[in-house]
Amino acid sequence: MNKAFVFRIYPNGEQDVLMNGTFGCCRFVWNRMLTDRKIWYLITHDSVQITPAQYKNRWPWL
């Protein structure tokens, strides 16, 4: 038997800004990592290990 819980949140203005910034950073890092992996594979035909921490030097706002 599967159970599901539904929650609804009502963030205030400060929390809304923080969540939007966090989700935006996550989306940016995910897309950047995916692009870098695709480019690396096209060039070398091999896999590469990329971590989100590698992007903090280039984009300090992460």
C-alpha atoms as a PDB file:
ATOM      1  CA  MET A   1       0.000   0.000   0.000  1.00  0.00           C
ATOM      2  CA  ASN A   2       1.353   3.429  -0.958  1.00  0.00           C
ATOM      3  CA  LYS A   3       0.787   6.541   1.107  1.00  0.00           C
ATOM      4  CA  ALA A   4       1.038  10.129   0.015  1.00  0.00           C
ATOM      5  CA  PHE A   5       1.223  13.298   2.051  1.00  0.00           C
ATOM      6  CA  VAL A   6       0.363  16.665   0.581  1.00  0.00           C
ATOM      7  CA  PHE A   7       1.815  19.792   2.154  1.00  0.00           C
ATOM      8  CA  ARG A   8       1.346  23.390   1.195  1.00  0.00           C
ATOM      9  CA  ILE A   9       3.727  26.094   2.300  1.00  0.00           C
ATOM     10  CA  TYR A  10       3.198  29.818   2.449  1.00  0.00           C
ATOM     11  CA  PRO A  11       6.625  31.474   2.568  1.00  0.00           C
ATOM     12  CA  ASN A  12       6.984  35.104   3.516  1.00  0.00           C
ATOM     13  CA  GLY A  13       8.862  37.521   1.240  1.00  0.00           C
ATOM     14  CA  GLU A  14      12.339  36.794   2.613  1.00  0.00           C
ATOM     15  CA  GLN A  15      11.839  33.021   2.436  1.00  0.00           C
ATOM     16  CA  ASP A  16      10.491  33.319  -1.108  1.00  0.00           C
ATOM     17  CA  VAL A  17      13.607  35.192  -2.235  1.00  0.00           C
ATOM     18  CA  LEU A  18      15.857  32.618  -0.546  1.00  0.00           C
ATOM     19  CA  MET A  19      14.048  29.641  -2.106  1.00  0.00           C
ATOM     20  CA  ASN A  20      14.055  31.188  -5.578  1.00  0.00           C
ATOM     21  CA  GLY A  21      17.785  31.896  -5.289  1.00  0.00           C
ATOM     22  CA  THR A  22      18.505  28.365  -4.094  1.00  0.00           C
ATOM     23  CA  PHE A  23      16.453  26.736  -6.847  1.00  0.00           C
ATOM     24  CA  GLY A  24      18.030  29.017  -9.444  1.00  0.00           C
ATOM     25  CA  CYS A  25      21.536  28.017  -8.312  1.00  0.00           C
ATOM     26  CA  CYS A  26      20.603  24.327  -8.383  1.00  0.00           C
ATOM     27  CA  ARG A  27      19.180  24.651 -11.876  1.00  0.00           C
ATOM     28  CA  PHE A  28      22.277  26.542 -13.070  1.00  0.00           C
ATOM     29  CA  VAL A  29      24.708  23.963 -11.630  1.00  0.00           C
ATOM     30  CA  TRP A  30      22.714  21.009 -12.996  1.00  0.00           C
ATOM     31  CA  ASN A  31      22.557  22.460 -16.514  1.00  0.00           C
ATOM     32  CA  ARG A  32      26.233  23.478 -16.436  1.00  0.00           C
ATOM     33  CA  MET A  33      27.336  20.017 -15.273  1.00  0.00           C
ATOM     34  CA  LEU A  34      25.207  18.349 -17.934  1.00  0.00           C
ATOM     35  CA  THR A  35      26.652  20.573 -20.667  1.00  0.00           C
ATOM     36  CA  ASP A  36      30.223  19.981 -19.505  1.00  0.00           C
ATOM     37  CA  ARG A  37      29.699  16.207 -19.402  1.00  0.00           C
ATOM     38  CA  LYS A  38      28.219  16.220 -22.915  1.00  0.00           C
ATOM     39  CA  ILE A  39      31.065  18.303 -24.317  1.00  0.00           C
ATOM     40  CA  TRP A  40      33.674  16.125 -22.575  1.00  0.00           C
ATOM     41  CA  TYR A  41      32.063  12.966 -23.973  1.00  0.00           C
ATOM     42  CA  LEU A  42      31.949  14.368 -27.513  1.00  0.00           C
ATOM     43  CA  ILE A  43      35.650  15.220 -27.349  1.00  0.00           C
ATOM     44  CA  THR A  44      37.043  12.160 -25.539  1.00  0.00           C
ATOM     45  CA  HIS A  45      34.304   9.473 -25.767  1.00  0.00           C
ATOM     46  CA  ASP A  46      34.898   8.858 -22.060  1.00  0.00           C
ATOM     47  CA  SER A  47      33.093   9.722 -18.839  1.00  0.00           C
ATOM     48  CA  VAL A  48      34.241  12.428 -16.440  1.00  0.00           C
ATOM     49  CA  GLN A  49      33.580  12.963 -12.728  1.00  0.00           C
ATOM     50  CA  ILE A  50      32.317  16.498 -12.128  1.00  0.00           C
ATOM     51  CA  THR A  51      31.200  17.830  -8.756  1.00  0.00           C
ATOM     52  CA  PRO A  52      29.289  21.031  -7.987  1.00  0.00           C
ATOM     53  CA  ALA A  53      32.200  22.219  -5.816  1.00  0.00           C
ATOM     54  CA  GLN A  54      34.318  22.638  -8.951  1.00  0.00           C
ATOM     55  CA  TYR A  55      32.123  25.541 -10.078  1.00  0.00           C
ATOM     56  CA  LYS A  56      32.507  27.654  -6.912  1.00  0.00           C
ATOM     57  CA  ASN A  57      35.865  29.081  -8.024  1.00  0.00           C
ATOM     58  CA  ARG A  58      34.503  30.370 -11.319  1.00  0.00           C
ATOM     59  CA  TRP A  59      31.110  31.537  -9.988  1.00  0.00           C
ATOM     60  CA  PRO A  60      31.542  32.691  -6.365  1.00  0.00           C
ATOM     61  CA  TRP A  61      27.835  33.544  -5.988  1.00  0.00           C
ATOM     62  CA  LEU A  62      27.135  29.817  -5.817  1.00  0.00           C
END
